[in-house]
Each structure stands twice: as C-alpha cells, then as structure tokens.
Amino acid sequence: MTVESSSADPALTDPDLYSVVFENERVRVLRYQDRPGDRTTVHRHPDSVMVTLSPIRRRLSSEGKVAEVELAAGQVRWLDAQRHAGENIGDTDSDVVFIELKEPPDSGTVDDGVRPLGPA
C-alpha cells in the first residue's frame, strides 16, 4: 500500500485545510484544521490513526452513505482506509492529526543494531 495517488490526496485536494507536517518511508502525518461550515472535496485516506486536538463534529459522505461523527478533544481512533468528503457541522473549529501508514520496510528488525535509539 502506498499513500494516496495525487488525485485523491487530501493535502492536494484541500491544501487550505490539510498540511503535511512529517513524512518518511513508513508514515505521513497530516494536520487538518477547519472552521464550522467548511467542507472538503472527495479525498482518500490510507489506514490511519486519527488524533483529535479539539472536539469535532463532522458529516462524512461516500458513495451514497452518510455518517455523523462527534469526538471530544484528545481522542485517538483507528481509521480504516477510505474515500470520503467531509463537512464541519459543529460550532467550533476542528483540529485533527492523521498518522497515515505506509508499507513496512522490506528487511530488518526493530532492534537490528543499525537504527538509532529514540526519536529520529
């Protein structure tokens, strides 16, 4: 699995709302910030971990399905790979971090003696 094709990459479809804050060969981290009433165009997320930095209330739609999501600040949730459009239906700004997963490295173990200890 790779991160998105450029046509569905939220950092490209909605650059005013999504920004890439970190990327390497294993993950990409996006920051999402919007205001009440803001909407995204259809985009795709790979398997991801979502961290809410603020409370969020959103309406997500995809292929005729609609879901409303409400989460408090500080929530951490798994997000299966999906394609959707979203809308902030709350009365507060949204602030969310997405940690998008990429393929694991082809070789090596966690403690292979080569990788640095601690954050890199």
PDB file of N, CA and C in Angstrom:
ATOM      1  N   MET A   1       0.854  -1.173   0.000  1.00  0.00           N
ATOM      2  CA  MET A   1       0.000   0.000   0.000  1.00  0.00           C
ATOM      3  C   MET A   1       0.895   1.229   0.000  1.00  0.00           C
ATOM      4  N   THR A   2       0.532   2.202  -0.742  1.00  0.00           N
ATOM      5  CA  THR A   2       1.229   3.482  -0.710  1.00  0.00           C
ATOM      6  C   THR A   2       0.241   4.522  -0.234  1.00  0.00           C
ATOM      7  N   VAL A   3       0.751   5.688   0.101  1.00  0.00           N
ATOM      8  CA  VAL A   3      -0.162   6.783   0.434  1.00  0.00           C
ATOM      9  C   VAL A   3      -0.863   7.129  -0.866  1.00  0.00           C
ATOM     10  N   GLU A   4      -1.670   8.051  -0.915  1.00  0.00           N
ATOM     11  CA  GLU A   4      -2.589   8.345  -1.991  1.00  0.00           C
ATOM     12  C   GLU A   4      -1.985   8.649  -3.348  1.00  0.00           C
ATOM     13  N   SER A   5      -2.771   8.352  -4.374  1.00  0.00           N
ATOM     14  CA  SER A   5      -2.460   8.912  -5.671  1.00  0.00           C
ATOM     15  C   SER A   5      -2.731  10.400  -5.545  1.00  0.00           C
ATOM     16  N   SER A   6      -2.028  11.203  -6.317  1.00  0.00           N
ATOM     17  CA  SER A   6      -2.141  12.654  -6.141  1.00  0.00           C
ATOM     18  C   SER A   6      -3.557  13.158  -6.376  1.00  0.00           C
ATOM     19  N   SER A   7      -4.372  12.445  -7.165  1.00  0.00           N
ATOM     20  CA  SER A   7      -5.721  12.931  -7.456  1.00  0.00           C
ATOM     21  C   SER A   7      -6.654  12.857  -6.248  1.00  0.00           C
ATOM     22  N   ALA A   8      -6.333  12.038  -5.257  1.00  0.00           N
ATOM     23  CA  ALA A   8      -7.210  11.905  -4.090  1.00  0.00           C
ATOM     24  C   ALA A   8      -6.497  12.293  -2.803  1.00  0.00           C
ATOM     25  N   ASP A   9      -5.296  12.789  -2.886  1.00  0.00           N
ATOM     26  CA  ASP A   9      -4.502  13.157  -1.721  1.00  0.00           C
ATOM     27  C   ASP A   9      -5.107  14.398  -1.080  1.00  0.00           C
ATOM     28  N   PRO A  10      -5.551  14.317   0.195  1.00  0.00           N
ATOM     29  CA  PRO A  10      -6.200  15.478   0.802  1.00  0.00           C
ATOM     30  C   PRO A  10      -5.303  16.705   0.909  1.00  0.00           C
ATOM     31  N   ALA A  11      -3.991  16.521   0.974  1.00  0.00           N
ATOM     32  CA  ALA A  11      -3.082  17.674   1.010  1.00  0.00           C
ATOM     33  C   ALA A  11      -3.093  18.418  -0.325  1.00  0.00           C
ATOM     34  N   LEU A  12      -3.542  17.730  -1.399  1.00  0.00           N
ATOM     35  CA  LEU A  12      -3.644  18.372  -2.711  1.00  0.00           C
ATOM     36  C   LEU A  12      -5.085  18.789  -3.034  1.00  0.00           C
ATOM     37  N   THR A  13      -6.065  17.984  -2.607  1.00  0.00           N
ATOM     38  CA  THR A  13      -7.457  18.335  -2.908  1.00  0.00           C
ATOM     39  C   THR A  13      -7.948  19.488  -2.042  1.00  0.00           C
ATOM     40  N   ASP A  14      -7.424  19.583  -0.815  1.00  0.00           N
ATOM     41  CA  ASP A  14      -7.846  20.629   0.129  1.00  0.00           C
ATOM     42  C   ASP A  14      -6.633  21.207   0.866  1.00  0.00           C
ATOM     43  N   PRO A  15      -5.716  21.853   0.131  1.00  0.00           N
ATOM     44  CA  PRO A  15      -4.483  22.336   0.769  1.00  0.00           C
ATOM     45  C   PRO A  15      -4.707  23.457   1.786  1.00  0.00           C
ATOM     46  N   ASP A  16      -5.853  24.090   1.743  1.00  0.00           N
ATOM     47  CA  ASP A  16      -6.168  25.122   2.741  1.00  0.00           C
ATOM     48  C   ASP A  16      -6.600  24.507   4.071  1.00  0.00           C
ATOM     49  N   LEU A  17      -6.910  23.194   4.076  1.00  0.00           N
ATOM     50  CA  LEU A  17      -7.378  22.520   5.280  1.00  0.00           C
ATOM     51  C   LEU A  17      -6.389  21.463   5.796  1.00  0.00           C
ATOM     52  N   TYR A  18      -5.683  20.799   4.891  1.00  0.00           N
ATOM     53  CA  TYR A  18      -4.721  19.748   5.246  1.00  0.00           C
ATOM     54  C   TYR A  18      -3.299  20.218   4.962  1.00  0.00           C
ATOM     55  N   SER A  19      -2.375  19.907   5.860  1.00  0.00           N
ATOM     56  CA  SER A  19      -0.964  20.166   5.596  1.00  0.00           C
ATOM     57  C   SER A  19      -0.146  18.957   6.053  1.00  0.00           C
ATOM     58  N   VAL A  20       0.911  18.669   5.315  1.00  0.00           N
ATOM     59  CA  VAL A  20       1.826  17.588   5.672  1.00  0.00           C
ATOM     60  C   VAL A  20       2.809  18.156   6.682  1.00  0.00           C
ATOM     61  N   VAL A  21       2.857  17.563   7.886  1.00  0.00           N
ATOM     62  CA  VAL A  21       3.760  18.062   8.924  1.00  0.00           C
ATOM     63  C   VAL A  21       4.974  17.154   9.116  1.00  0.00           C
ATOM     64  N   PHE A  22       4.901  15.919   8.593  1.00  0.00           N
ATOM     65  CA  PHE A  22       6.036  14.997   8.668  1.00  0.00           C
ATOM     66  C   PHE A  22       5.798  13.875   7.678  1.00  0.00           C
ATOM     67  N   GLU A  23       6.878  13.398   7.048  1.00  0.00           N
ATOM     68  CA  GLU A  23       6.763  12.251   6.163  1.00  0.00           C
ATOM     69  C   GLU A  23       8.102  11.558   6.056  1.00  0.00           C
ATOM     70  N   ASN A  24       8.055  10.219   6.090  1.00  0.00           N
ATOM     71  CA  ASN A  24       9.220   9.402   5.780  1.00  0.00           C
ATOM     72  C   ASN A  24       8.731   8.169   5.029  1.00  0.00           C
ATOM     73  N   GLU A  25       9.570   7.156   4.898  1.00  0.00           N
ATOM     74  CA  GLU A  25       9.186   5.979   4.116  1.00  0.00           C
ATOM     75  C   GLU A  25       8.125   5.116   4.809  1.00  0.00           C
ATOM     76  N   ARG A  26       7.847   5.325   6.095  1.00  0.00           N
ATOM     77  CA  ARG A  26       6.900   4.490   6.841  1.00  0.00           C
ATOM     78  C   ARG A  26       5.573   5.168   7.136  1.00  0.00           C
ATOM     79  N   VAL A  27       5.566   6.505   7.348  1.00  0.00           N
ATOM     80  CA  VAL A  27       4.340   7.218   7.712  1.00  0.00           C
ATOM     81  C   VAL A  27       4.312   8.598   7.074  1.00  0.00           C
ATOM     82  N   ARG A  28       3.113   9.139   7.022  1.00  0.00           N
ATOM     83  CA  ARG A  28       2.925  10.542   6.680  1.00  0.00           C
ATOM     84  C   ARG A  28       1.970  11.103   7.718  1.00  0.00           C
ATOM     85  N   VAL A  29       2.290  12.271   8.263  1.00  0.00           N
ATOM     86  CA  VAL A  29       1.462  12.905   9.283  1.00  0.00           C
ATOM     87  C   VAL A  29       0.850  14.164   8.689  1.00  0.00           C
ATOM     88  N   LEU A  30      -0.484  14.221   8.760  1.00  0.00           N
ATOM     89  CA  LEU A  30      -1.226  15.379   8.258  1.00  0.00           C
ATOM     90  C   LEU A  30      -1.862  16.117   9.425  1.00  0.00           C
ATOM     91  N   ARG A  31      -1.941  17.425   9.306  1.00  0.00           N
ATOM     92  CA  ARG A  31      -2.696  18.253  10.255  1.00  0.00           C
ATOM     93  C   ARG A  31      -3.899  18.781   9.502  1.00  0.00           C
ATOM     94  N   TYR A  32      -5.064  18.627  10.091  1.00  0.00           N
ATOM     95  CA  TYR A  32      -6.313  19.101   9.497  1.00  0.00           C
ATOM     96  C   TYR A  32      -6.908  20.156  10.413  1.00  0.00           C
ATOM     97  N   GLN A  33      -7.182  21.337   9.860  1.00  0.00           N
ATOM     98  CA  GLN A  33      -7.793  22.422  10.626  1.00  0.00           C
ATOM     99  C   GLN A  33      -8.868  23.069   9.770  1.00  0.00           C
ATOM    100  N   ASP A  34     -10.074  23.238  10.361  1.00  0.00           N
ATOM    101  CA  ASP A  34     -11.150  23.903   9.634  1.00  0.00           C
ATOM    102  C   ASP A  34     -12.026  24.701  10.591  1.00  0.00           C
ATOM    103  N   ARG A  35     -13.034  25.340  10.021  1.00  0.00           N
ATOM    104  CA  ARG A  35     -13.996  26.145  10.782  1.00  0.00           C
ATOM    105  C   ARG A  35     -15.397  25.611  10.524  1.00  0.00           C
ATOM    106  N   PRO A  36     -16.346  25.941  11.372  1.00  0.00           N
ATOM    107  CA  PRO A  36     -17.719  25.499  11.140  1.00  0.00           C
ATOM    108  C   PRO A  36     -18.184  25.849   9.723  1.00  0.00           C
ATOM    109  N   GLY A  37     -18.814  24.871   9.078  1.00  0.00           N
ATOM    110  CA  GLY A  37     -19.311  25.064   7.716  1.00  0.00           C
ATOM    111  C   GLY A  37     -18.311  24.699   6.632  1.00  0.00           C
ATOM    112  N   ASP A  38     -17.017  24.577   6.955  1.00  0.00           N
ATOM    113  CA  ASP A  38     -16.025  24.191   5.944  1.00  0.00           C
ATOM    114  C   ASP A  38     -16.300  22.773   5.453  1.00  0.00           C
ATOM    115  N   ARG A  39     -16.034  22.551   4.158  1.00  0.00           N
ATOM    116  CA  ARG A  39     -16.232  21.243   3.525  1.00  0.00           C
ATOM    117  C   ARG A  39     -14.967  20.846   2.780  1.00  0.00           C
ATOM    118  N   THR A  40     -14.752  19.543   2.703  1.00  0.00           N
ATOM    119  CA  THR A  40     -13.646  19.026   1.896  1.00  0.00           C
ATOM    120  C   THR A  40     -14.199  18.447   0.608  1.00  0.00           C
ATOM    121  N   THR A  41     -13.353  18.372  -0.395  1.00  0.00           N
ATOM    122  CA  THR A  41     -13.705  17.650  -1.606  1.00  0.00           C
ATOM    123  C   THR A  41     -13.441  16.173  -1.341  1.00  0.00           C
ATOM    124  N   VAL A  42     -13.903  15.320  -2.224  1.00  0.00           N
ATOM    125  CA  VAL A  42     -13.679  13.884  -2.058  1.00  0.00           C
ATOM    126  C   VAL A  42     -12.175  13.621  -2.074  1.00  0.00           C
ATOM    127  N   HIS A  43     -11.725  12.856  -1.082  1.00  0.00           N
ATOM    128  CA  HIS A  43     -10.309  12.500  -0.964  1.00  0.00           C
ATOM    129  C   HIS A  43     -10.219  11.126  -0.337  1.00  0.00           C
ATOM    130  N   ARG A  44      -8.998  10.594  -0.244  1.00  0.00           N
ATOM    131  CA  ARG A  44      -8.803   9.248   0.263  1.00  0.00           C
ATOM    132  C   ARG A  44      -7.764   9.241   1.359  1.00  0.00           C
ATOM    133  N   HIS A  45      -8.013   8.427   2.395  1.00  0.00           N
ATOM    134  CA  HIS A  45      -7.040   8.192   3.459  1.00  0.00           C
ATOM    135  C   HIS A  45      -6.645   6.723   3.429  1.00  0.00           C
ATOM    136  N   PRO A  46      -5.357   6.400   3.555  1.00  0.00           N
ATOM    137  CA  PRO A  46      -4.985   5.002   3.782  1.00  0.00           C
ATOM    138  C   PRO A  46      -5.293   4.658   5.237  1.00  0.00           C
ATOM    139  N   ASP A  47      -5.034   3.422   5.663  1.00  0.00           N
ATOM    140  CA  ASP A  47      -5.169   3.096   7.079  1.00  0.00           C
ATOM    141  C   ASP A  47      -4.424   4.157   7.879  1.00  0.00           C
ATOM    142  N   SER A  48      -5.078   4.685   8.916  1.00  0.00           N
ATOM    143  CA  SER A  48      -4.520   5.822   9.653  1.00  0.00           C
ATOM    144  C   SER A  48      -4.906   5.764  11.120  1.00  0.00           C
ATOM    145  N   VAL A  49      -4.165   6.508  11.920  1.00  0.00           N
ATOM    146  CA  VAL A  49      -4.541   6.798  13.297  1.00  0.00           C
ATOM    147  C   VAL A  49      -4.929   8.267  13.329  1.00  0.00           C
ATOM    148  N   MET A  50      -6.104   8.566  13.908  1.00  0.00           N
ATOM    149  CA  MET A  50      -6.617   9.933  13.964  1.00  0.00           C
ATOM    150  C   MET A  50      -6.580  10.404  15.413  1.00  0.00           C
ATOM    151  N   VAL A  51      -6.020  11.589  15.645  1.00  0.00           N
ATOM    152  CA  VAL A  51      -5.937  12.169  16.985  1.00  0.00           C
ATOM    153  C   VAL A  51      -6.661  13.515  16.952  1.00  0.00           C
ATOM    154  N   THR A  52      -7.703  13.652  17.774  1.00  0.00           N
ATOM    155  CA  THR A  52      -8.436  14.916  17.816  1.00  0.00           C
ATOM    156  C   THR A  52      -7.769  15.850  18.826  1.00  0.00           C
ATOM    157  N   LEU A  53      -7.332  17.001  18.349  1.00  0.00           N
ATOM    158  CA  LEU A  53      -6.734  18.007  19.217  1.00  0.00           C
ATOM    159  C   LEU A  53      -7.790  18.971  19.747  1.00  0.00           C
ATOM    160  N   SER A  54      -8.959  18.944  19.121  1.00  0.00           N
ATOM    161  CA  SER A  54     -10.105  19.749  19.552  1.00  0.00           C
ATOM    162  C   SER A  54     -11.328  18.852  19.435  1.00  0.00           C
ATOM    163  N   PRO A  55     -12.448  19.256  20.031  1.00  0.00           N
ATOM    164  CA  PRO A  55     -13.676  18.494  19.781  1.00  0.00           C
ATOM    165  C   PRO A  55     -14.052  18.643  18.304  1.00  0.00           C
ATOM    166  N   ILE A  56     -14.610  17.587  17.736  1.00  0.00           N
ATOM    167  CA  ILE A  56     -15.037  17.674  16.329  1.00  0.00           C
ATOM    168  C   ILE A  56     -16.452  17.147  16.177  1.00  0.00           C
ATOM    169  N   ARG A  57     -17.151  17.718  15.226  1.00  0.00           N
ATOM    170  CA  ARG A  57     -18.476  17.236  14.822  1.00  0.00           C
ATOM    171  C   ARG A  57     -18.508  17.347  13.311  1.00  0.00           C
ATOM    172  N   ARG A  58     -18.562  16.185  12.640  1.00  0.00           N
ATOM    173  CA  ARG A  58     -18.422  16.149  11.180  1.00  0.00           C
ATOM    174  C   ARG A  58     -19.476  15.263  10.544  1.00  0.00           C
ATOM    175  N   ARG A  59     -19.805  15.596   9.320  1.00  0.00           N
ATOM    176  CA  ARG A  59     -20.636  14.744   8.481  1.00  0.00           C
ATOM    177  C   ARG A  59     -19.725  14.230   7.365  1.00  0.00           C
ATOM    178  N   LEU A  60     -19.621  12.916   7.258  1.00  0.00           N
ATOM    179  CA  LEU A  60     -18.825  12.287   6.208  1.00  0.00           C
ATOM    180  C   LEU A  60     -19.772  11.638   5.215  1.00  0.00           C
ATOM    181  N   SER A  61     -19.430  11.744   3.928  1.00  0.00           N
ATOM    182  CA  SER A  61     -20.258  11.106   2.902  1.00  0.00           C
ATOM    183  C   SER A  61     -19.369  10.421   1.875  1.00  0.00           C
ATOM    184  N   SER A  62     -19.870   9.255   1.423  1.00  0.00           N
ATOM    185  CA  SER A  62     -19.141   8.478   0.434  1.00  0.00           C
ATOM    186  C   SER A  62     -20.095   7.528  -0.262  1.00  0.00           C
ATOM    187  N   GLU A  63     -20.170   7.631  -1.558  1.00  0.00           N
ATOM    188  CA  GLU A  63     -20.949   6.707  -2.386  1.00  0.00           C
ATOM    189  C   GLU A  63     -22.361   6.483  -1.845  1.00  0.00           C
ATOM    190  N   GLY A  64     -23.050   7.563  -1.531  1.00  0.00           N
ATOM    191  CA  GLY A  64     -24.431   7.481  -1.071  1.00  0.00           C
ATOM    192  C   GLY A  64     -24.603   7.211   0.410  1.00  0.00           C
ATOM    193  N   LYS A  65     -23.525   6.912   1.126  1.00  0.00           N
ATOM    194  CA  LYS A  65     -23.600   6.699   2.572  1.00  0.00           C
ATOM    195  C   LYS A  65     -23.243   7.990   3.290  1.00  0.00           C
ATOM    196  N   VAL A  66     -23.895   8.234   4.439  1.00  0.00           N
ATOM    197  CA  VAL A  66     -23.613   9.422   5.246  1.00  0.00           C
ATOM    198  C   VAL A  66     -23.458   8.982   6.695  1.00  0.00           C
ATOM    199  N   ALA A  67     -22.453   9.531   7.364  1.00  0.00           N
ATOM    200  CA  ALA A  67     -22.244   9.250   8.788  1.00  0.00           C
ATOM    201  C   ALA A  67     -21.909  10.554   9.492  1.00  0.00           C
ATOM    202  N   GLU A  68     -22.455  10.722  10.691  1.00  0.00           N
ATOM    203  CA  GLU A  68     -22.098  11.871  11.514  1.00  0.00           C
ATOM    204  C   GLU A  68     -21.198  11.380  12.635  1.00  0.00           C
ATOM    205  N   VAL A  69     -20.120  12.116  12.866  1.00  0.00           N
ATOM    206  CA  VAL A  69     -19.112  11.737  13.843  1.00  0.00           C
ATOM    207  C   VAL A  69     -18.934  12.884  14.822  1.00  0.00           C
ATOM    208  N   GLU A  70     -18.950  12.563  16.110  1.00  0.00           N
ATOM    209  CA  GLU A  70     -18.679  13.565  17.138  1.00  0.00           C
ATOM    210  C   GLU A  70     -17.679  12.964  18.117  1.00  0.00           C
ATOM    211  N   LEU A  71     -16.540  13.648  18.298  1.00  0.00           N
ATOM    212  CA  LEU A  71     -15.490  13.180  19.199  1.00  0.00           C
ATOM    213  C   LEU A  71     -15.001  14.334  20.055  1.00  0.00           C
ATOM    214  N   ALA A  72     -14.662  14.033  21.284  1.00  0.00           N
ATOM    215  CA  ALA A  72     -14.084  15.026  22.189  1.00  0.00           C
ATOM    216  C   ALA A  72     -12.613  15.238  21.854  1.00  0.00           C
ATOM    217  N   ALA A  73     -12.050  16.315  22.335  1.00  0.00           N
ATOM    218  CA  ALA A  73     -10.604  16.552  22.193  1.00  0.00           C
ATOM    219  C   ALA A  73      -9.850  15.442  22.916  1.00  0.00           C
ATOM    220  N   GLY A  74      -8.705  15.059  22.355  1.00  0.00           N
ATOM    221  CA  GLY A  74      -7.856  14.061  22.989  1.00  0.00           C
ATOM    222  C   GLY A  74      -8.202  12.625  22.649  1.00  0.00           C
ATOM    223  N   GLN A  75      -9.121  12.406  21.733  1.00  0.00           N
ATOM    224  CA  GLN A  75      -9.484  11.047  21.334  1.00  0.00           C
ATOM    225  C   GLN A  75      -8.478  10.517  20.308  1.00  0.00           C
ATOM    226  N   VAL A  76      -8.211   9.237  20.370  1.00  0.00           N
ATOM    227  CA  VAL A  76      -7.336   8.565  19.407  1.00  0.00           C
ATOM    228  C   VAL A  76      -8.139   7.424  18.815  1.00  0.00           C
ATOM    229  N   ARG A  77      -8.277   7.407  17.495  1.00  0.00           N
ATOM    230  CA  ARG A  77      -9.111   6.413  16.830  1.00  0.00           C
ATOM    231  C   ARG A  77      -8.398   5.837  15.605  1.00  0.00           C
ATOM    232  N   TRP A  78      -8.684   4.572  15.330  1.00  0.00           N
ATOM    233  CA  TRP A  78      -8.238   3.927  14.104  1.00  0.00           C
ATOM    234  C   TRP A  78      -9.171   4.342  12.982  1.00  0.00           C
ATOM    235  N   LEU A  79      -8.627   4.615  11.799  1.00  0.00           N
ATOM    236  CA  LEU A  79      -9.415   4.961  10.622  1.00  0.00           C
ATOM    237  C   LEU A  79      -9.030   4.000   9.510  1.00  0.00           C
ATOM    238  N   ASP A  80      -9.942   3.082   9.151  1.00  0.00           N
ATOM    239  CA  ASP A  80      -9.675   2.189   8.025  1.00  0.00           C
ATOM    240  C   ASP A  80      -9.556   3.013   6.751  1.00  0.00           C
ATOM    241  N   ALA A  81      -8.788   2.512   5.804  1.00  0.00           N
ATOM    242  CA  ALA A  81      -8.634   3.192   4.520  1.00  0.00           C
ATOM    243  C   ALA A  81     -10.019   3.500   3.959  1.00  0.00           C
ATOM    244  N   GLN A  82     -10.193   4.715   3.465  1.00  0.00           N
ATOM    245  CA  GLN A  82     -11.496   5.118   2.940  1.00  0.00           C
ATOM    246  C   GLN A  82     -11.399   6.347   2.061  1.00  0.00           C
ATOM    247  N   ARG A  83     -12.453   6.518   1.279  1.00  0.00           N
ATOM    248  CA  ARG A  83     -12.611   7.688   0.418  1.00  0.00           C
ATOM    249  C   ARG A  83     -13.885   8.376   0.874  1.00  0.00           C
ATOM    250  N   HIS A  84     -13.817   9.695   1.100  1.00  0.00           N
ATOM    251  CA  HIS A  84     -14.997  10.425   1.567  1.00  0.00           C
ATOM    252  C   HIS A  84     -14.828  11.924   1.349  1.00  0.00           C
ATOM    253  N   ALA A  85     -15.923  12.637   1.555  1.00  0.00           N
ATOM    254  CA  ALA A  85     -15.915  14.095   1.659  1.00  0.00           C
ATOM    255  C   ALA A  85     -16.443  14.392   3.052  1.00  0.00           C
ATOM    256  N   GLY A  86     -16.045  15.525   3.632  1.00  0.00           N
ATOM    257  CA  GLY A  86     -16.473  15.849   4.983  1.00  0.00           C
ATOM    258  C   GLY A  86     -16.931  17.285   5.112  1.00  0.00           C
ATOM    259  N   GLU A  87     -17.692  17.531   6.173  1.00  0.00           N
ATOM    260  CA  GLU A  87     -18.179  18.873   6.470  1.00  0.00           C
ATOM    261  C   GLU A  87     -18.168  19.077   7.978  1.00  0.00           C
ATOM    262  N   ASN A  88     -17.673  20.220   8.428  1.00  0.00           N
ATOM    263  CA  ASN A  88     -17.719  20.572   9.848  1.00  0.00           C
ATOM    264  C   ASN A  88     -19.133  21.047  10.145  1.00  0.00           C
ATOM    265  N   ILE A  89     -19.908  20.214  10.869  1.00  0.00           N
ATOM    266  CA  ILE A  89     -21.289  20.564  11.207  1.00  0.00           C
ATOM    267  C   ILE A  89     -21.395  21.032  12.657  1.00  0.00           C
ATOM    268  N   GLY A  90     -20.250  21.222  13.291  1.00  0.00           N
ATOM    269  CA  GLY A  90     -20.230  21.687  14.669  1.00  0.00           C
ATOM    270  C   GLY A  90     -20.219  23.200  14.746  1.00  0.00           C
ATOM    271  N   ASP A  91     -20.043  23.713  15.957  1.00  0.00           N
ATOM    272  CA  ASP A  91     -19.974  25.157  16.140  1.00  0.00           C
ATOM    273  C   ASP A  91     -18.598  25.602  16.633  1.00  0.00           C
ATOM    274  N   THR A  92     -17.596  24.696  16.488  1.00  0.00           N
ATOM    275  CA  THR A  92     -16.220  25.037  16.848  1.00  0.00           C
ATOM    276  C   THR A  92     -15.275  24.645  15.716  1.00  0.00           C
ATOM    277  N   ASP A  93     -14.098  25.246  15.702  1.00  0.00           N
ATOM    278  CA  ASP A  93     -13.064  24.862  14.752  1.00  0.00           C
ATOM    279  C   ASP A  93     -12.625  23.429  15.028  1.00  0.00           C
ATOM    280  N   SER A  94     -12.200  22.723  13.988  1.00  0.00           N
ATOM    281  CA  SER A  94     -11.663  21.370  14.119  1.00  0.00           C
ATOM    282  C   SER A  94     -10.150  21.419  14.014  1.00  0.00           C
ATOM    283  N   ASP A  95      -9.479  20.583  14.798  1.00  0.00           N
ATOM    284  CA  ASP A  95      -8.025  20.457  14.747  1.00  0.00           C
ATOM    285  C   ASP A  95      -7.710  18.980  14.979  1.00  0.00           C
ATOM    286  N   VAL A  96      -7.198  18.321  13.942  1.00  0.00           N
ATOM    287  CA  VAL A  96      -7.004  16.866  13.970  1.00  0.00           C
ATOM    288  C   VAL A  96      -5.658  16.526  13.340  1.00  0.00           C
ATOM    289  N   VAL A  97      -5.025  15.486  13.848  1.00  0.00           N
ATOM    290  CA  VAL A  97      -3.800  14.944  13.265  1.00  0.00           C
ATOM    291  C   VAL A  97      -4.109  13.543  12.742  1.00  0.00           C
ATOM    292  N   PHE A  98      -3.671  13.247  11.515  1.00  0.00           N
ATOM    293  CA  PHE A  98      -3.786  11.917  10.923  1.00  0.00           C
ATOM    294  C   PHE A  98      -2.392  11.355  10.734  1.00  0.00           C
ATOM    295  N   ILE A  99      -2.154  10.151  11.238  1.00  0.00           N
ATOM    296  CA  ILE A  99      -0.892   9.450  11.008  1.00  0.00           C
ATOM    297  C   ILE A  99      -1.206   8.354  10.006  1.00  0.00           C
ATOM    298  N   GLU A 100      -0.832   8.589   8.742  1.00  0.00           N
ATOM    299  CA  GLU A 100      -1.129   7.663   7.661  1.00  0.00           C
ATOM    300  C   GLU A 100      -0.032   6.611   7.570  1.00  0.00           C
ATOM    301  N   LEU A 101      -0.428   5.341   7.520  1.00  0.00           N
ATOM    302  CA  LEU A 101       0.530   4.248   7.474  1.00  0.00           C
ATOM    303  C   LEU A 101       0.924   3.913   6.046  1.00  0.00           C
ATOM    304  N   LYS A 102       2.200   3.594   5.869  1.00  0.00           N
ATOM    305  CA  LYS A 102       2.722   3.119   4.598  1.00  0.00           C
ATOM    306  C   LYS A 102       3.224   1.701   4.799  1.00  0.00           C
ATOM    307  N   GLU A 103       3.737   1.081   3.752  1.00  0.00           N
ATOM    308  CA  GLU A 103       4.292  -0.270   3.850  1.00  0.00           C
ATOM    309  C   GLU A 103       5.458  -0.309   4.824  1.00  0.00           C
ATOM    310  N   PRO A 104       5.586  -1.398   5.582  1.00  0.00           N
ATOM    311  CA  PRO A 104       6.757  -1.545   6.452  1.00  0.00           C
ATOM    312  C   PRO A 104       8.011  -1.745   5.604  1.00  0.00           C
ATOM    313  N   PRO A 105       9.198  -1.549   6.184  1.00  0.00           N
ATOM    314  CA  PRO A 105      10.413  -1.761   5.407  1.00  0.00           C
ATOM    315  C   PRO A 105      10.522  -3.220   4.986  1.00  0.00           C
ATOM    316  N   ASP A 106      11.245  -3.471   3.900  1.00  0.00           N
ATOM    317  CA  ASP A 106      11.380  -4.824   3.361  1.00  0.00           C
ATOM    318  C   ASP A 106      12.219  -5.733   4.238  1.00  0.00           C
ATOM    319  N   SER A 107      13.183  -5.185   4.971  1.00  0.00           N
ATOM    320  CA  SER A 107      14.047  -6.049   5.765  1.00  0.00           C
ATOM    321  C   SER A 107      14.417  -5.361   7.070  1.00  0.00           C
ATOM    322  N   GLY A 108      15.034  -6.131   7.956  1.00  0.00           N
ATOM    323  CA  GLY A 108      15.476  -5.576   9.227  1.00  0.00           C
ATOM    324  C   GLY A 108      14.463  -5.846  10.323  1.00  0.00           C
ATOM    325  N   THR A 109      14.926  -5.808  11.534  1.00  0.00           N
ATOM    326  CA  THR A 109      14.055  -5.980  12.682  1.00  0.00           C
ATOM    327  C   THR A 109      14.057  -4.692  13.474  1.00  0.00           C
ATOM    328  N   VAL A 110      13.224  -4.627  14.473  1.00  0.00           N
ATOM    329  CA  VAL A 110      13.135  -3.419  15.287  1.00  0.00           C
ATOM    330  C   VAL A 110      14.482  -3.111  15.930  1.00  0.00           C
ATOM    331  N   ASP A 111      15.179  -4.126  16.437  1.00  0.00           N
ATOM    332  CA  ASP A 111      16.476  -3.917  17.078  1.00  0.00           C
ATOM    333  C   ASP A 111      17.561  -4.557  16.222  1.00  0.00           C
ATOM    334  N   ASP A 112      17.876  -3.945  15.085  1.00  0.00           N
ATOM    335  CA  ASP A 112      18.872  -4.503  14.175  1.00  0.00           C
ATOM    336  C   ASP A 112      20.266  -3.944  14.411  1.00  0.00           C
ATOM    337  N   GLY A 113      20.434  -3.107  15.451  1.00  0.00           N
ATOM    338  CA  GLY A 113      21.741  -2.546  15.746  1.00  0.00           C
ATOM    339  C   GLY A 113      22.128  -1.385  14.853  1.00  0.00           C
ATOM    340  N   VAL A 114      21.312  -1.087  13.862  1.00  0.00           N
ATOM    341  CA  VAL A 114      21.623  -0.010  12.908  1.00  0.00           C
ATOM    342  C   VAL A 114      20.760   1.215  13.160  1.00  0.00           C
ATOM    343  N   ARG A 115      19.526   0.994  13.539  1.00  0.00           N
ATOM    344  CA  ARG A 115      18.593   2.096  13.730  1.00  0.00           C
ATOM    345  C   ARG A 115      18.920   2.831  15.025  1.00  0.00           C
ATOM    346  N   PRO A 116      18.755   4.164  15.011  1.00  0.00           N
ATOM    347  CA  PRO A 116      19.030   4.929  16.229  1.00  0.00           C
ATOM    348  C   PRO A 116      17.999   4.654  17.306  1.00  0.00           C
ATOM    349  N   LEU A 117      18.423   4.782  18.552  1.00  0.00           N
ATOM    350  CA  LEU A 117      17.527   4.640  19.688  1.00  0.00           C
ATOM    351  C   LEU A 117      16.884   5.993  19.947  1.00  0.00           C
ATOM    352  N   GLY A 118      15.580   6.014  20.189  1.00  0.00           N
ATOM    353  CA  GLY A 118      14.885   7.281  20.444  1.00  0.00           C
ATOM    354  C   GLY A 118      14.368   7.896  19.169  1.00  0.00           C
ATOM    355  N   PRO A 119      13.819   9.103  19.260  1.00  0.00           N
ATOM    356  CA  PRO A 119      13.254   9.755  18.071  1.00  0.00           C
ATOM    357  C   PRO A 119      14.331  10.108  17.056  1.00  0.00           C
ATOM    358  N   ALA A 120      13.953   9.995  15.796  1.00  0.00           N
ATOM    359  CA  ALA A 120      14.890  10.337  14.719  1.00  0.00           C
ATOM    360  C   ALA A 120      14.374  11.531  13.961  1.00  0.00           C
TER     361      ALA A 120
END
